[in-house]
């Protein structure tokens, strides 16, 4: 995702809003912000205590994308096109969020029963 944004490779899933007008500098900023997610999730993979922060960040992302998908600003640049493709991608990210919540909760139960 970071590479796609840095080089402007607009393809769905790597670029949620792949077919709307943009400024190249915005994509460069997003590419660097994605690196923060990479660091957060790598840290969570290495240290279980960081998992809740990664899950919260992903949840906020789903909420943010949902707000954008519902916004008048997005509607204004779509010229009557549907937002369904953005909602599908947001839904996939939400499913990933739910999966991580469930797996983290299950992992906590297993580790508590081992004590």
Protein backbone atom coordinates (compact mmCIF):
# COMPACT_ATOMS: atom_id res chain seq x y z
CA UNK A 1 0.00 0.00 0.00
CA UNK A 2 2.79 2.42 0.86
CA UNK A 3 4.59 1.70 -2.41
CA UNK A 4 1.34 2.04 -4.40
CA UNK A 5 0.65 5.44 -2.85
CA UNK A 6 4.21 6.66 -3.19
CA UNK A 7 4.34 5.84 -6.91
CA UNK A 8 0.68 6.59 -7.64
CA UNK A 9 -0.19 3.00 -8.65
CA UNK A 10 -3.95 3.30 -8.35
CA UNK A 11 -5.44 -0.16 -7.93
CA UNK A 12 -8.29 -1.22 -5.62
CA UNK A 13 -7.40 -2.54 -2.13
CA UNK A 14 -4.01 -0.83 -2.31
CA UNK A 15 -5.80 2.45 -3.04
CA UNK A 16 -9.28 2.65 -1.52
CA UNK A 17 -10.22 5.80 -3.48
CA UNK A 18 -8.41 4.76 -6.64
CA UNK A 19 -10.62 6.56 -9.15
CA UNK A 20 -11.09 10.03 -7.67
CA UNK A 21 -9.10 13.20 -8.37
CA UNK A 22 -6.02 13.60 -6.20
CA UNK A 23 -2.83 15.56 -5.75
CA UNK A 24 0.41 13.60 -5.88
CA UNK A 25 1.63 15.15 -2.62
CA UNK A 26 -1.41 13.66 -0.81
CA UNK A 27 -0.42 10.19 -1.92
CA UNK A 28 3.17 10.70 -0.79
CA UNK A 29 1.89 11.75 2.67
CA UNK A 30 -0.33 8.65 2.82
CA UNK A 31 2.61 6.44 1.85
CA UNK A 32 4.60 7.70 4.82
CA UNK A 33 1.60 7.35 7.14
CA UNK A 34 1.26 3.72 6.05
CA UNK A 35 4.79 3.16 7.33
CA UNK A 36 3.49 4.05 10.81
CA UNK A 37 0.90 1.26 10.44
CA UNK A 38 3.64 -1.12 9.33
CA UNK A 39 5.69 -0.29 12.42
CA UNK A 40 2.67 -0.63 14.69
CA UNK A 41 1.63 -4.01 13.31
CA UNK A 42 5.18 -5.41 13.25
CA UNK A 43 5.55 -4.33 16.87
CA UNK A 44 2.20 -6.00 17.68
CA UNK A 45 3.39 -9.20 16.02
CA UNK A 46 6.54 -9.17 18.13
CA UNK A 47 5.02 -7.95 21.41
CA UNK A 48 1.51 -9.06 22.35
CA UNK A 49 1.01 -6.03 24.59
CA UNK A 50 1.00 -3.80 21.47
CA UNK A 51 -1.89 -5.70 19.83
CA UNK A 52 -4.70 -3.60 21.37
CA UNK A 53 -3.15 -0.39 19.97
CA UNK A 54 -2.94 -1.92 16.49
CA UNK A 55 -6.55 -3.09 16.70
CA UNK A 56 -7.73 0.36 17.84
CA UNK A 57 -5.82 2.01 14.97
CA UNK A 58 -7.49 -0.32 12.50
CA UNK A 59 -10.92 0.35 14.03
CA UNK A 60 -10.38 4.10 13.73
CA UNK A 61 -9.39 3.57 10.11
CA UNK A 62 -12.68 1.76 9.42
CA UNK A 63 -14.60 4.61 11.08
CA UNK A 64 -12.64 7.21 9.10
CA UNK A 65 -13.18 5.45 5.78
CA UNK A 66 -16.88 5.12 6.60
CA UNK A 67 -17.07 8.86 7.27
CA UNK A 68 -15.37 9.61 3.95
CA UNK A 69 -17.63 7.15 2.11
CA UNK A 70 -20.68 8.96 3.53
CA UNK A 71 -19.36 12.46 2.94
CA UNK A 72 -20.68 15.15 0.65
CA UNK A 73 -17.07 15.83 -0.37
CA UNK A 74 -16.70 12.35 -1.88
CA UNK A 75 -20.11 12.56 -3.50
CA UNK A 76 -19.10 15.85 -5.12
CA UNK A 77 -16.13 14.30 -6.95
CA UNK A 78 -17.92 11.12 -8.02
CA UNK A 79 -20.27 12.82 -10.48
CA UNK A 80 -23.15 10.48 -9.64
CA UNK A 81 -21.06 7.28 -9.52
CA UNK A 82 -21.77 4.77 -6.76
CA UNK A 83 -19.69 4.46 -3.60
CA UNK A 84 -20.24 0.69 -3.46
CA UNK A 85 -16.65 -0.17 -4.41
CA UNK A 86 -15.37 1.98 -1.52
CA UNK A 87 -17.85 0.39 0.88
CA UNK A 88 -16.76 -3.10 -0.22
CA UNK A 89 -13.12 -2.24 0.46
CA UNK A 90 -14.05 -0.65 3.80
CA UNK A 91 -16.07 -3.77 4.60
CA UNK A 92 -13.06 -5.99 3.90
CA UNK A 93 -10.93 -3.89 6.23
CA UNK A 94 -13.73 -4.08 8.84
CA UNK A 95 -13.78 -7.88 8.50
CA UNK A 96 -10.02 -7.92 9.08
CA UNK A 97 -10.59 -5.73 12.17
CA UNK A 98 -13.26 -8.14 13.49
CA UNK A 99 -11.02 -11.14 12.82
CA UNK A 100 -8.17 -9.54 14.77
CA UNK A 101 -10.49 -8.70 17.68
CA UNK A 102 -11.80 -12.28 17.80
CA UNK A 103 -8.34 -13.85 17.49
CA UNK A 104 -6.88 -11.54 20.12
CA UNK A 105 -9.72 -12.32 22.54
CA UNK A 106 -9.34 -16.06 21.88
CA UNK A 107 -5.60 -15.81 22.41
CA UNK A 108 -6.10 -14.04 25.71
CA UNK A 109 -8.48 -16.79 26.90
CA UNK A 110 -5.99 -19.50 25.92
CA UNK A 111 -3.07 -17.77 27.62
CA UNK A 112 -5.14 -17.19 30.79
CA UNK A 113 -6.15 -20.87 30.93
CA UNK A 114 -2.46 -21.85 30.63
CA UNK A 115 -1.60 -19.93 33.81
